[in-house]
Amino acid sequence: MKSPDCLAYVFWHWLRAGDEVGAYEQSLAAFQEVLMENAPPGFRRAAVFRHGPADWLPGDGPHYVDWYLLDDSAALDPLNDGAISAVCQAAHDAAAERAAGGTAGLYGLRRGAVRAATVHCATWFSKPTGMPYAELDGLLGGLMQAGSAQLWSRRMTLGPTPEMCVLAGAEVSLPRDFGAVHVPMELVWSRARNDAVESDTEDAFQ
């Protein structure tokens, strides 16, 4: 199955010291719900995960990561404006005041399909120097075709992570020269926009 065009704005954030995990997660879900109820143009789906420690994140956590799936880069401004619109402002601020900080990146879907609830690991890696992208796609193609993983690549070097990411139910074994980093994840919240149809998201989070 050919993957549709899909862009992901990925936002990592972490809890302010002394705050409660349960209250933070409730505020995240409340914000996501109101944002999805008032989904801006081009916004397909979102998912929030608990996220293990990683080199690009401070301390031992708890950390979180939000994946916002978009039609294309034209949806970035509406998403940014929608998150702090009048209808979303209070929920946005309630979550933001509990966060100690954040960082973000932009990623494009190369291929694959996965259900958000089955994602338990992000395997981040860098394509070895000199390896053509076609060779990389061939190496990982079987995993993607099984319908249990997705391959994403960083866009325009925008992001604190290695270049590539496989979202899957478990760690993905890669050759040593890929420098793979495995980060555990656990779903907190996920939803598609109300008017989404199956063809919109068949190769994105389901």
N, C-alpha and C. Protein backbone atom coordinates (compact mmCIF):
# COMPACT_ATOMS: atom_id res chain seq x y z
N MET A 1 0.84 -1.20 0.00
CA MET A 1 0.00 0.00 0.00
C MET A 1 0.88 1.25 0.00
N LYS A 2 0.61 2.17 -0.87
CA LYS A 2 1.36 3.40 -0.94
C LYS A 2 0.91 4.34 0.16
N SER A 3 1.86 4.88 0.92
CA SER A 3 1.51 5.79 2.00
C SER A 3 1.09 7.14 1.45
N PRO A 4 0.06 7.74 2.01
CA PRO A 4 -0.35 9.06 1.57
C PRO A 4 0.62 10.11 2.08
N ASP A 5 0.61 11.30 1.47
CA ASP A 5 1.40 12.39 2.00
C ASP A 5 0.90 12.69 3.41
N CYS A 6 1.83 12.85 4.33
CA CYS A 6 1.46 13.15 5.70
C CYS A 6 2.65 13.78 6.39
N LEU A 7 2.41 14.87 7.07
CA LEU A 7 3.44 15.56 7.82
C LEU A 7 3.09 15.48 9.30
N ALA A 8 4.11 15.36 10.14
CA ALA A 8 3.88 15.31 11.59
C ALA A 8 4.66 16.43 12.27
N TYR A 9 3.93 17.25 13.01
CA TYR A 9 4.57 18.17 13.95
C TYR A 9 4.67 17.40 15.26
N VAL A 10 5.89 17.21 15.75
CA VAL A 10 6.13 16.37 16.93
C VAL A 10 6.68 17.26 18.05
N PHE A 11 5.99 17.25 19.17
CA PHE A 11 6.30 18.16 20.28
C PHE A 11 6.59 17.36 21.55
N TRP A 12 7.82 17.46 22.03
CA TRP A 12 8.20 16.83 23.30
C TRP A 12 8.07 17.86 24.42
N HIS A 13 7.62 17.42 25.57
CA HIS A 13 7.48 18.33 26.72
C HIS A 13 7.63 17.52 27.99
N TRP A 14 7.89 18.22 29.08
CA TRP A 14 8.14 17.52 30.34
C TRP A 14 7.52 18.29 31.50
N LEU A 15 7.20 17.51 32.51
CA LEU A 15 6.43 17.99 33.66
C LEU A 15 7.29 18.89 34.56
N ARG A 16 6.65 19.96 35.04
CA ARG A 16 7.32 20.83 36.00
C ARG A 16 7.58 20.07 37.30
N ALA A 17 8.74 20.26 37.89
CA ALA A 17 9.11 19.56 39.12
C ALA A 17 8.07 19.81 40.21
N GLY A 18 7.64 18.73 40.86
CA GLY A 18 6.69 18.84 41.95
C GLY A 18 5.24 18.75 41.52
N ASP A 19 4.98 18.80 40.22
CA ASP A 19 3.59 18.69 39.76
C ASP A 19 3.19 17.22 39.70
N GLU A 20 1.89 16.96 39.57
CA GLU A 20 1.37 15.60 39.58
C GLU A 20 1.16 15.08 38.17
N VAL A 21 1.63 13.85 37.95
CA VAL A 21 1.52 13.23 36.64
C VAL A 21 0.06 13.13 36.21
N GLY A 22 -0.80 12.67 37.10
CA GLY A 22 -2.20 12.49 36.75
C GLY A 22 -2.86 13.79 36.33
N ALA A 23 -2.60 14.86 37.07
CA ALA A 23 -3.19 16.15 36.74
C ALA A 23 -2.65 16.68 35.42
N TYR A 24 -1.37 16.44 35.17
CA TYR A 24 -0.77 16.89 33.91
C TYR A 24 -1.40 16.16 32.73
N GLU A 25 -1.53 14.86 32.86
CA GLU A 25 -2.10 14.09 31.76
C GLU A 25 -3.56 14.46 31.52
N GLN A 26 -4.30 14.74 32.56
CA GLN A 26 -5.68 15.18 32.39
C GLN A 26 -5.73 16.52 31.65
N SER A 27 -4.81 17.42 31.96
CA SER A 27 -4.79 18.72 31.28
C SER A 27 -4.40 18.57 29.83
N LEU A 28 -3.49 17.63 29.54
CA LEU A 28 -3.11 17.37 28.15
C LEU A 28 -4.30 16.85 27.36
N ALA A 29 -5.01 15.88 27.93
CA ALA A 29 -6.16 15.29 27.24
C ALA A 29 -7.25 16.34 27.04
N ALA A 30 -7.48 17.19 28.03
CA ALA A 30 -8.52 18.22 27.91
C ALA A 30 -8.20 19.19 26.78
N PHE A 31 -6.93 19.58 26.67
CA PHE A 31 -6.53 20.47 25.59
C PHE A 31 -6.69 19.80 24.23
N GLN A 32 -6.24 18.55 24.13
CA GLN A 32 -6.34 17.83 22.86
C GLN A 32 -7.79 17.67 22.42
N GLU A 33 -8.67 17.43 23.36
CA GLU A 33 -10.08 17.25 23.03
C GLU A 33 -10.68 18.53 22.45
N VAL A 34 -10.42 19.66 23.09
CA VAL A 34 -11.02 20.90 22.59
C VAL A 34 -10.37 21.31 21.27
N LEU A 35 -9.08 21.03 21.11
CA LEU A 35 -8.43 21.33 19.84
C LEU A 35 -9.03 20.47 18.72
N MET A 36 -9.26 19.19 19.01
CA MET A 36 -9.81 18.31 17.99
C MET A 36 -11.27 18.66 17.68
N GLU A 37 -12.01 19.09 18.67
CA GLU A 37 -13.39 19.51 18.42
C GLU A 37 -13.45 20.75 17.53
N ASN A 38 -12.37 21.51 17.52
CA ASN A 38 -12.28 22.72 16.71
C ASN A 38 -11.09 22.62 15.76
N ALA A 39 -10.96 21.45 15.14
CA ALA A 39 -9.79 21.13 14.33
C ALA A 39 -9.59 22.15 13.20
N PRO A 40 -8.39 22.74 13.12
CA PRO A 40 -8.12 23.68 12.03
C PRO A 40 -7.92 22.93 10.71
N PRO A 41 -7.96 23.63 9.60
CA PRO A 41 -7.79 22.98 8.29
C PRO A 41 -6.48 22.22 8.20
N GLY A 42 -6.55 21.02 7.63
CA GLY A 42 -5.35 20.22 7.42
C GLY A 42 -4.91 19.39 8.60
N PHE A 43 -5.61 19.49 9.72
CA PHE A 43 -5.26 18.74 10.94
C PHE A 43 -6.03 17.43 10.93
N ARG A 44 -5.32 16.30 10.82
CA ARG A 44 -5.97 15.00 10.69
C ARG A 44 -6.23 14.30 12.02
N ARG A 45 -5.19 14.22 12.82
CA ARG A 45 -5.23 13.34 13.99
C ARG A 45 -4.11 13.73 14.94
N ALA A 46 -4.25 13.38 16.21
CA ALA A 46 -3.20 13.62 17.19
C ALA A 46 -3.12 12.45 18.15
N ALA A 47 -1.94 12.27 18.71
CA ALA A 47 -1.73 11.25 19.74
C ALA A 47 -0.71 11.78 20.74
N VAL A 48 -0.95 11.48 22.00
CA VAL A 48 -0.05 11.87 23.09
C VAL A 48 0.49 10.60 23.73
N PHE A 49 1.81 10.55 23.91
CA PHE A 49 2.46 9.38 24.51
C PHE A 49 3.32 9.80 25.70
N ARG A 50 3.37 8.94 26.71
CA ARG A 50 4.47 9.02 27.67
C ARG A 50 5.72 8.58 26.92
N HIS A 51 6.85 9.19 27.27
CA HIS A 51 8.06 9.02 26.46
C HIS A 51 9.25 8.80 27.39
N GLY A 52 10.04 7.78 27.12
CA GLY A 52 11.20 7.48 27.96
C GLY A 52 12.30 8.52 27.82
N PRO A 53 13.31 8.43 28.67
CA PRO A 53 14.45 9.35 28.58
C PRO A 53 15.15 9.25 27.22
N ALA A 54 15.66 10.37 26.74
CA ALA A 54 16.37 10.42 25.46
C ALA A 54 17.43 11.51 25.54
N ASP A 55 18.43 11.42 24.69
CA ASP A 55 19.55 12.37 24.73
C ASP A 55 19.09 13.81 24.52
N TRP A 56 18.01 14.01 23.77
CA TRP A 56 17.57 15.37 23.46
C TRP A 56 16.58 15.92 24.49
N LEU A 57 16.35 15.17 25.57
CA LEU A 57 15.42 15.62 26.61
C LEU A 57 16.15 15.70 27.95
N PRO A 58 15.78 16.65 28.80
CA PRO A 58 16.49 16.84 30.07
C PRO A 58 16.07 15.83 31.13
N GLY A 59 17.02 15.37 31.93
CA GLY A 59 16.71 14.56 33.09
C GLY A 59 16.08 13.22 32.77
N ASP A 60 15.44 12.66 33.78
CA ASP A 60 14.85 11.33 33.67
C ASP A 60 13.34 11.36 33.45
N GLY A 61 12.76 12.53 33.32
CA GLY A 61 11.33 12.62 33.07
C GLY A 61 10.53 12.85 34.35
N PRO A 62 9.21 12.69 34.25
CA PRO A 62 8.51 12.12 33.10
C PRO A 62 8.46 13.05 31.89
N HIS A 63 8.60 12.44 30.70
CA HIS A 63 8.53 13.16 29.45
C HIS A 63 7.30 12.71 28.67
N TYR A 64 6.87 13.56 27.75
CA TYR A 64 5.73 13.27 26.89
C TYR A 64 6.05 13.72 25.47
N VAL A 65 5.35 13.13 24.51
CA VAL A 65 5.48 13.57 23.13
C VAL A 65 4.11 13.57 22.47
N ASP A 66 3.81 14.66 21.77
CA ASP A 66 2.56 14.79 21.02
C ASP A 66 2.88 14.68 19.54
N TRP A 67 2.16 13.82 18.83
CA TRP A 67 2.27 13.72 17.37
C TRP A 67 1.02 14.33 16.77
N TYR A 68 1.19 15.40 16.01
CA TYR A 68 0.10 16.06 15.31
C TYR A 68 0.24 15.74 13.82
N LEU A 69 -0.70 14.99 13.27
CA LEU A 69 -0.63 14.58 11.88
C LEU A 69 -1.38 15.58 11.00
N LEU A 70 -0.69 16.05 9.96
CA LEU A 70 -1.19 17.12 9.12
C LEU A 70 -1.17 16.72 7.65
N ASP A 71 -2.00 17.39 6.87
CA ASP A 71 -1.99 17.13 5.43
C ASP A 71 -0.66 17.52 4.81
N ASP A 72 -0.16 18.69 5.18
CA ASP A 72 1.06 19.22 4.59
C ASP A 72 1.51 20.43 5.40
N SER A 73 2.57 21.11 4.93
CA SER A 73 3.12 22.23 5.68
C SER A 73 2.16 23.42 5.74
N ALA A 74 1.22 23.50 4.82
CA ALA A 74 0.25 24.58 4.85
C ALA A 74 -0.64 24.51 6.09
N ALA A 75 -0.69 23.36 6.75
CA ALA A 75 -1.52 23.20 7.94
C ALA A 75 -0.82 23.66 9.22
N LEU A 76 0.45 24.03 9.13
CA LEU A 76 1.20 24.40 10.34
C LEU A 76 0.69 25.71 10.96
N ASP A 77 0.51 26.73 10.15
CA ASP A 77 0.02 28.00 10.69
C ASP A 77 -1.38 27.86 11.29
N PRO A 78 -2.32 27.21 10.61
CA PRO A 78 -3.64 27.02 11.25
C PRO A 78 -3.57 26.23 12.57
N LEU A 79 -2.68 25.25 12.64
CA LEU A 79 -2.53 24.50 13.89
C LEU A 79 -1.99 25.40 14.99
N ASN A 80 -0.97 26.18 14.67
CA ASN A 80 -0.39 27.09 15.65
C ASN A 80 -1.42 28.10 16.14
N ASP A 81 -2.16 28.68 15.21
CA ASP A 81 -3.17 29.67 15.58
C ASP A 81 -4.34 29.02 16.32
N GLY A 82 -4.74 27.82 15.88
CA GLY A 82 -5.86 27.15 16.51
C GLY A 82 -5.58 26.76 17.95
N ALA A 83 -4.33 26.40 18.25
CA ALA A 83 -3.99 25.95 19.60
C ALA A 83 -4.17 27.04 20.64
N ILE A 84 -4.06 28.30 20.21
CA ILE A 84 -4.19 29.42 21.15
C ILE A 84 -5.37 30.32 20.77
N SER A 85 -6.31 29.75 20.01
CA SER A 85 -7.52 30.51 19.66
C SER A 85 -8.37 30.70 20.91
N ALA A 86 -9.37 31.55 20.80
CA ALA A 86 -10.22 31.86 21.96
C ALA A 86 -10.83 30.61 22.57
N VAL A 87 -11.27 29.67 21.72
CA VAL A 87 -11.94 28.48 22.23
C VAL A 87 -10.97 27.50 22.88
N CYS A 88 -9.69 27.55 22.51
CA CYS A 88 -8.69 26.61 23.04
C CYS A 88 -7.78 27.23 24.10
N GLN A 89 -7.79 28.54 24.22
CA GLN A 89 -6.81 29.24 25.05
C GLN A 89 -6.76 28.74 26.48
N ALA A 90 -7.90 28.62 27.13
CA ALA A 90 -7.91 28.23 28.54
C ALA A 90 -7.34 26.83 28.74
N ALA A 91 -7.73 25.87 27.90
CA ALA A 91 -7.21 24.51 28.01
C ALA A 91 -5.72 24.46 27.68
N HIS A 92 -5.31 25.23 26.67
CA HIS A 92 -3.89 25.30 26.32
C HIS A 92 -3.07 25.82 27.50
N ASP A 93 -3.52 26.90 28.11
CA ASP A 93 -2.76 27.52 29.19
C ASP A 93 -2.72 26.62 30.43
N ALA A 94 -3.82 25.91 30.68
CA ALA A 94 -3.85 25.01 31.84
C ALA A 94 -2.81 23.90 31.72
N ALA A 95 -2.61 23.40 30.49
CA ALA A 95 -1.58 22.38 30.28
C ALA A 95 -0.19 23.01 30.28
N ALA A 96 -0.05 24.15 29.62
CA ALA A 96 1.27 24.77 29.48
C ALA A 96 1.85 25.18 30.82
N GLU A 97 1.02 25.61 31.75
CA GLU A 97 1.55 26.07 33.03
C GLU A 97 2.10 24.93 33.88
N ARG A 98 1.76 23.69 33.54
CA ARG A 98 2.29 22.54 34.26
C ARG A 98 3.58 22.00 33.61
N ALA A 99 3.93 22.51 32.45
CA ALA A 99 5.11 22.02 31.73
C ALA A 99 6.33 22.85 32.08
N ALA A 100 7.47 22.17 32.22
CA ALA A 100 8.73 22.87 32.51
C ALA A 100 9.42 23.32 31.24
N GLY A 101 9.12 22.70 30.11
CA GLY A 101 9.76 23.08 28.86
C GLY A 101 9.34 22.17 27.73
N GLY A 102 9.85 22.45 26.53
CA GLY A 102 9.50 21.63 25.38
C GLY A 102 10.45 21.86 24.22
N THR A 103 10.41 20.95 23.27
CA THR A 103 11.16 21.08 22.03
C THR A 103 10.38 20.35 20.95
N ALA A 104 10.66 20.63 19.68
CA ALA A 104 9.80 20.09 18.63
C ALA A 104 10.59 19.83 17.35
N GLY A 105 9.92 19.09 16.44
CA GLY A 105 10.51 18.80 15.14
C GLY A 105 9.43 18.55 14.11
N LEU A 106 9.85 18.45 12.87
CA LEU A 106 8.95 18.25 11.76
C LEU A 106 9.38 16.99 11.00
N TYR A 107 8.43 16.08 10.77
CA TYR A 107 8.75 14.77 10.19
C TYR A 107 7.74 14.40 9.12
N GLY A 108 8.23 13.75 8.08
CA GLY A 108 7.38 13.29 7.01
C GLY A 108 7.25 11.79 7.01
N LEU A 109 6.05 11.29 6.73
CA LEU A 109 5.81 9.86 6.67
C LEU A 109 6.39 9.30 5.37
N ARG A 110 7.30 8.33 5.49
CA ARG A 110 7.86 7.68 4.31
C ARG A 110 6.99 6.50 3.88
N ARG A 111 6.59 5.69 4.85
CA ARG A 111 5.73 4.56 4.52
C ARG A 111 5.30 3.86 5.81
N GLY A 112 4.26 3.02 5.69
CA GLY A 112 3.85 2.19 6.81
C GLY A 112 2.54 2.60 7.44
N ALA A 113 2.01 1.71 8.27
CA ALA A 113 0.77 1.92 8.99
C ALA A 113 0.92 1.34 10.39
N VAL A 114 0.29 1.98 11.36
CA VAL A 114 0.36 1.49 12.73
C VAL A 114 -0.82 2.05 13.51
N ARG A 115 -1.31 1.27 14.44
CA ARG A 115 -2.34 1.76 15.36
C ARG A 115 -1.65 2.42 16.54
N ALA A 116 -2.10 3.62 16.89
CA ALA A 116 -1.45 4.36 17.97
C ALA A 116 -1.38 3.55 19.26
N ALA A 117 -2.43 2.79 19.55
CA ALA A 117 -2.48 2.01 20.80
C ALA A 117 -1.44 0.90 20.84
N THR A 118 -0.90 0.51 19.67
CA THR A 118 0.08 -0.57 19.64
C THR A 118 1.52 -0.05 19.63
N VAL A 119 1.70 1.26 19.57
CA VAL A 119 3.05 1.82 19.56
C VAL A 119 3.61 1.82 20.98
N HIS A 120 4.71 1.10 21.16
CA HIS A 120 5.37 1.04 22.47
C HIS A 120 6.84 1.40 22.40
N CYS A 121 7.32 1.69 21.19
CA CYS A 121 8.74 2.03 21.06
C CYS A 121 8.95 2.91 19.83
N ALA A 122 9.80 3.91 19.97
CA ALA A 122 10.31 4.69 18.84
C ALA A 122 11.78 4.33 18.67
N THR A 123 12.13 3.83 17.51
CA THR A 123 13.52 3.52 17.20
C THR A 123 14.06 4.64 16.30
N TRP A 124 14.92 5.46 16.86
CA TRP A 124 15.51 6.59 16.14
C TRP A 124 16.88 6.19 15.62
N PHE A 125 17.20 6.62 14.40
CA PHE A 125 18.50 6.25 13.83
C PHE A 125 18.86 7.22 12.71
N SER A 126 20.12 7.15 12.29
CA SER A 126 20.60 7.95 11.17
C SER A 126 20.95 7.02 10.02
N LYS A 127 20.52 7.40 8.84
CA LYS A 127 20.87 6.63 7.64
C LYS A 127 22.39 6.68 7.46
N PRO A 128 23.05 5.53 7.30
CA PRO A 128 24.49 5.53 7.11
C PRO A 128 24.91 6.39 5.91
N THR A 129 26.02 7.08 6.05
CA THR A 129 26.52 7.93 4.97
C THR A 129 26.71 7.12 3.70
N GLY A 130 26.20 7.63 2.61
CA GLY A 130 26.36 6.96 1.32
C GLY A 130 25.26 5.98 0.97
N MET A 131 24.42 5.62 1.92
CA MET A 131 23.34 4.69 1.63
C MET A 131 22.20 5.42 0.93
N PRO A 132 21.80 5.00 -0.26
CA PRO A 132 20.66 5.64 -0.94
C PRO A 132 19.37 5.40 -0.15
N TYR A 133 18.45 6.34 -0.23
CA TYR A 133 17.17 6.18 0.46
C TYR A 133 16.40 4.97 -0.07
N ALA A 134 16.57 4.67 -1.35
CA ALA A 134 15.89 3.51 -1.91
C ALA A 134 16.37 2.22 -1.25
N GLU A 135 17.65 2.16 -0.94
CA GLU A 135 18.19 0.98 -0.26
C GLU A 135 17.65 0.89 1.16
N LEU A 136 17.55 2.03 1.83
CA LEU A 136 16.99 2.05 3.18
C LEU A 136 15.54 1.57 3.15
N ASP A 137 14.76 2.08 2.21
CA ASP A 137 13.36 1.67 2.12
C ASP A 137 13.24 0.18 1.86
N GLY A 138 14.15 -0.35 1.03
CA GLY A 138 14.13 -1.79 0.76
C GLY A 138 14.46 -2.61 1.99
N LEU A 139 15.41 -2.11 2.79
CA LEU A 139 15.82 -2.82 4.01
C LEU A 139 14.67 -2.92 5.01
N LEU A 140 13.88 -1.84 5.11
CA LEU A 140 12.81 -1.79 6.10
C LEU A 140 11.43 -2.09 5.51
N GLY A 141 11.39 -2.36 4.21
CA GLY A 141 10.11 -2.52 3.53
C GLY A 141 9.23 -3.62 4.09
N GLY A 142 9.82 -4.75 4.43
CA GLY A 142 9.02 -5.86 4.95
C GLY A 142 8.32 -5.51 6.24
N LEU A 143 9.01 -4.79 7.09
CA LEU A 143 8.43 -4.38 8.37
C LEU A 143 7.26 -3.43 8.14
N MET A 144 7.42 -2.50 7.20
CA MET A 144 6.36 -1.54 6.93
C MET A 144 5.13 -2.21 6.30
N GLN A 145 5.37 -3.17 5.41
CA GLN A 145 4.26 -3.83 4.72
C GLN A 145 3.45 -4.72 5.65
N ALA A 146 4.01 -5.09 6.77
CA ALA A 146 3.29 -5.94 7.71
C ALA A 146 2.18 -5.20 8.45
N GLY A 147 2.12 -3.88 8.27
CA GLY A 147 1.07 -3.10 8.90
C GLY A 147 1.25 -2.90 10.38
N SER A 148 2.50 -3.01 10.85
CA SER A 148 2.73 -2.90 12.29
C SER A 148 3.78 -1.85 12.63
N ALA A 149 4.16 -1.03 11.65
CA ALA A 149 5.19 -0.03 11.91
C ALA A 149 5.09 1.10 10.89
N GLN A 150 5.68 2.24 11.25
CA GLN A 150 5.75 3.38 10.36
C GLN A 150 7.18 3.90 10.33
N LEU A 151 7.61 4.36 9.16
CA LEU A 151 8.92 4.99 9.00
C LEU A 151 8.71 6.47 8.72
N TRP A 152 9.31 7.30 9.57
CA TRP A 152 9.26 8.75 9.43
C TRP A 152 10.66 9.30 9.23
N SER A 153 10.77 10.43 8.52
CA SER A 153 12.07 11.08 8.34
C SER A 153 11.95 12.56 8.66
N ARG A 154 12.99 13.08 9.27
CA ARG A 154 13.02 14.49 9.66
C ARG A 154 13.00 15.37 8.40
N ARG A 155 12.30 16.48 8.47
CA ARG A 155 12.21 17.42 7.35
C ARG A 155 13.09 18.65 7.62
N MET A 156 13.91 19.00 6.65
CA MET A 156 14.71 20.23 6.67
C MET A 156 15.55 20.35 7.94
N THR A 157 16.01 19.21 8.48
CA THR A 157 16.80 19.14 9.72
C THR A 157 16.09 19.81 10.90
N LEU A 158 14.76 19.92 10.84
CA LEU A 158 14.00 20.55 11.92
C LEU A 158 13.63 19.51 12.97
N GLY A 159 14.43 19.44 14.02
CA GLY A 159 14.16 18.50 15.10
C GLY A 159 15.44 18.15 15.83
N PRO A 160 15.33 17.80 17.12
CA PRO A 160 16.51 17.52 17.94
C PRO A 160 16.99 16.07 17.85
N THR A 161 16.30 15.26 17.07
CA THR A 161 16.52 13.81 17.05
C THR A 161 17.43 13.39 15.90
N PRO A 162 17.83 12.11 15.86
CA PRO A 162 18.39 11.56 14.63
C PRO A 162 17.40 11.68 13.47
N GLU A 163 17.87 11.41 12.26
CA GLU A 163 17.09 11.70 11.06
C GLU A 163 15.83 10.86 10.91
N MET A 164 15.88 9.58 11.27
CA MET A 164 14.81 8.65 10.94
C MET A 164 14.19 8.08 12.22
N CYS A 165 12.92 7.65 12.09
CA CYS A 165 12.23 7.05 13.22
C CYS A 165 11.30 5.95 12.75
N VAL A 166 11.34 4.81 13.42
CA VAL A 166 10.35 3.76 13.23
C VAL A 166 9.48 3.69 14.48
N LEU A 167 8.18 3.88 14.30
CA LEU A 167 7.22 3.69 15.38
C LEU A 167 6.67 2.28 15.27
N ALA A 168 6.77 1.51 16.35
CA ALA A 168 6.35 0.11 16.29
C ALA A 168 6.00 -0.37 17.69
N GLY A 169 5.58 -1.62 17.76
CA GLY A 169 5.20 -2.20 19.04
C GLY A 169 6.36 -2.62 19.90
N ALA A 170 7.56 -2.69 19.31
CA ALA A 170 8.75 -3.12 20.04
C ALA A 170 9.98 -2.54 19.35
N GLU A 171 11.13 -2.72 19.96
CA GLU A 171 12.38 -2.26 19.36
C GLU A 171 12.59 -2.92 18.00
N VAL A 172 13.12 -2.15 17.07
CA VAL A 172 13.43 -2.65 15.74
C VAL A 172 14.94 -2.87 15.66
N SER A 173 15.35 -4.06 15.33
CA SER A 173 16.77 -4.39 15.23
C SER A 173 17.34 -3.86 13.93
N LEU A 174 18.40 -3.06 14.03
CA LEU A 174 19.05 -2.47 12.87
C LEU A 174 20.55 -2.71 12.93
N PRO A 175 21.23 -2.65 11.79
CA PRO A 175 22.69 -2.81 11.79
C PRO A 175 23.36 -1.78 12.70
N ARG A 176 24.53 -2.12 13.21
CA ARG A 176 25.22 -1.28 14.19
C ARG A 176 25.50 0.14 13.67
N ASP A 177 25.80 0.23 12.36
CA ASP A 177 26.17 1.55 11.83
C ASP A 177 25.00 2.50 11.70
N PHE A 178 23.79 2.05 12.03
CA PHE A 178 22.64 2.95 12.06
C PHE A 178 22.59 3.75 13.36
N GLY A 179 23.32 3.31 14.39
CA GLY A 179 23.33 4.02 15.67
C GLY A 179 21.95 4.14 16.30
N ALA A 180 21.18 3.07 16.27
CA ALA A 180 19.79 3.12 16.71
C ALA A 180 19.65 3.43 18.20
N VAL A 181 18.66 4.25 18.51
CA VAL A 181 18.30 4.59 19.89
C VAL A 181 16.85 4.18 20.08
N HIS A 182 16.59 3.34 21.07
CA HIS A 182 15.23 2.83 21.32
C HIS A 182 14.62 3.55 22.52
N VAL A 183 13.48 4.17 22.30
CA VAL A 183 12.83 4.94 23.36
C VAL A 183 11.44 4.36 23.62
N PRO A 184 11.16 3.90 24.83
CA PRO A 184 9.83 3.35 25.13
C PRO A 184 8.77 4.44 25.11
N MET A 185 7.56 4.05 24.67
CA MET A 185 6.43 4.96 24.60
C MET A 185 5.18 4.24 25.08
N GLU A 186 4.23 5.03 25.60
CA GLU A 186 2.95 4.48 26.05
C GLU A 186 1.86 5.49 25.75
N LEU A 187 0.81 5.04 25.07
CA LEU A 187 -0.25 5.96 24.65
C LEU A 187 -1.01 6.52 25.85
N VAL A 188 -1.23 7.82 25.82
CA VAL A 188 -2.05 8.52 26.82
C VAL A 188 -3.40 8.90 26.22
N TRP A 189 -3.37 9.38 24.95
CA TRP A 189 -4.59 9.89 24.32
C TRP A 189 -4.41 9.87 22.82
N SER A 190 -5.49 9.59 22.07
CA SER A 190 -5.43 9.63 20.61
C SER A 190 -6.83 9.83 20.05
N ARG A 191 -6.91 10.61 18.97
CA ARG A 191 -8.21 10.84 18.34
C ARG A 191 -8.01 11.46 16.97
N ALA A 192 -8.92 11.15 16.05
CA ALA A 192 -8.96 11.80 14.74
C ALA A 192 -10.01 12.89 14.77
N ARG A 193 -9.92 13.81 13.81
CA ARG A 193 -10.94 14.84 13.72
C ARG A 193 -12.29 14.20 13.38
N ASN A 194 -13.35 14.87 13.73
CA ASN A 194 -14.69 14.29 13.62
C ASN A 194 -15.09 13.94 12.20
N ASP A 195 -14.61 14.72 11.21
CA ASP A 195 -15.03 14.49 9.84
C ASP A 195 -14.02 13.66 9.06
N ALA A 196 -13.05 13.04 9.75
CA ALA A 196 -12.05 12.23 9.06
C ALA A 196 -12.72 11.01 8.44
N VAL A 197 -12.23 10.64 7.28
CA VAL A 197 -12.68 9.41 6.64
C VAL A 197 -11.52 8.45 6.60
N GLU A 198 -11.82 7.18 6.38
CA GLU A 198 -10.79 6.16 6.46
C GLU A 198 -9.62 6.44 5.53
N SER A 199 -9.90 6.95 4.33
CA SER A 199 -8.83 7.18 3.38
C SER A 199 -7.88 8.27 3.84
N ASP A 200 -8.34 9.15 4.74
CA ASP A 200 -7.47 10.21 5.23
C ASP A 200 -6.35 9.67 6.10
N THR A 201 -6.61 8.61 6.83
CA THR A 201 -5.70 8.18 7.87
C THR A 201 -5.31 6.73 7.77
N GLU A 202 -5.51 6.10 6.64
CA GLU A 202 -5.29 4.67 6.56
C GLU A 202 -3.84 4.28 6.80
N ASP A 203 -2.89 5.18 6.50
CA ASP A 203 -1.49 4.89 6.73
C ASP A 203 -0.90 5.80 7.80
N ALA A 204 -1.75 6.52 8.53
CA ALA A 204 -1.30 7.29 9.66
C ALA A 204 -1.80 6.57 10.91
N PHE A 205 -1.72 7.24 12.07
CA PHE A 205 -2.20 6.58 13.28
C PHE A 205 -3.65 6.20 13.10
N GLN A 206 -4.03 5.02 13.56
CA GLN A 206 -5.40 4.54 13.43
C GLN A 206 -5.99 4.32 14.81
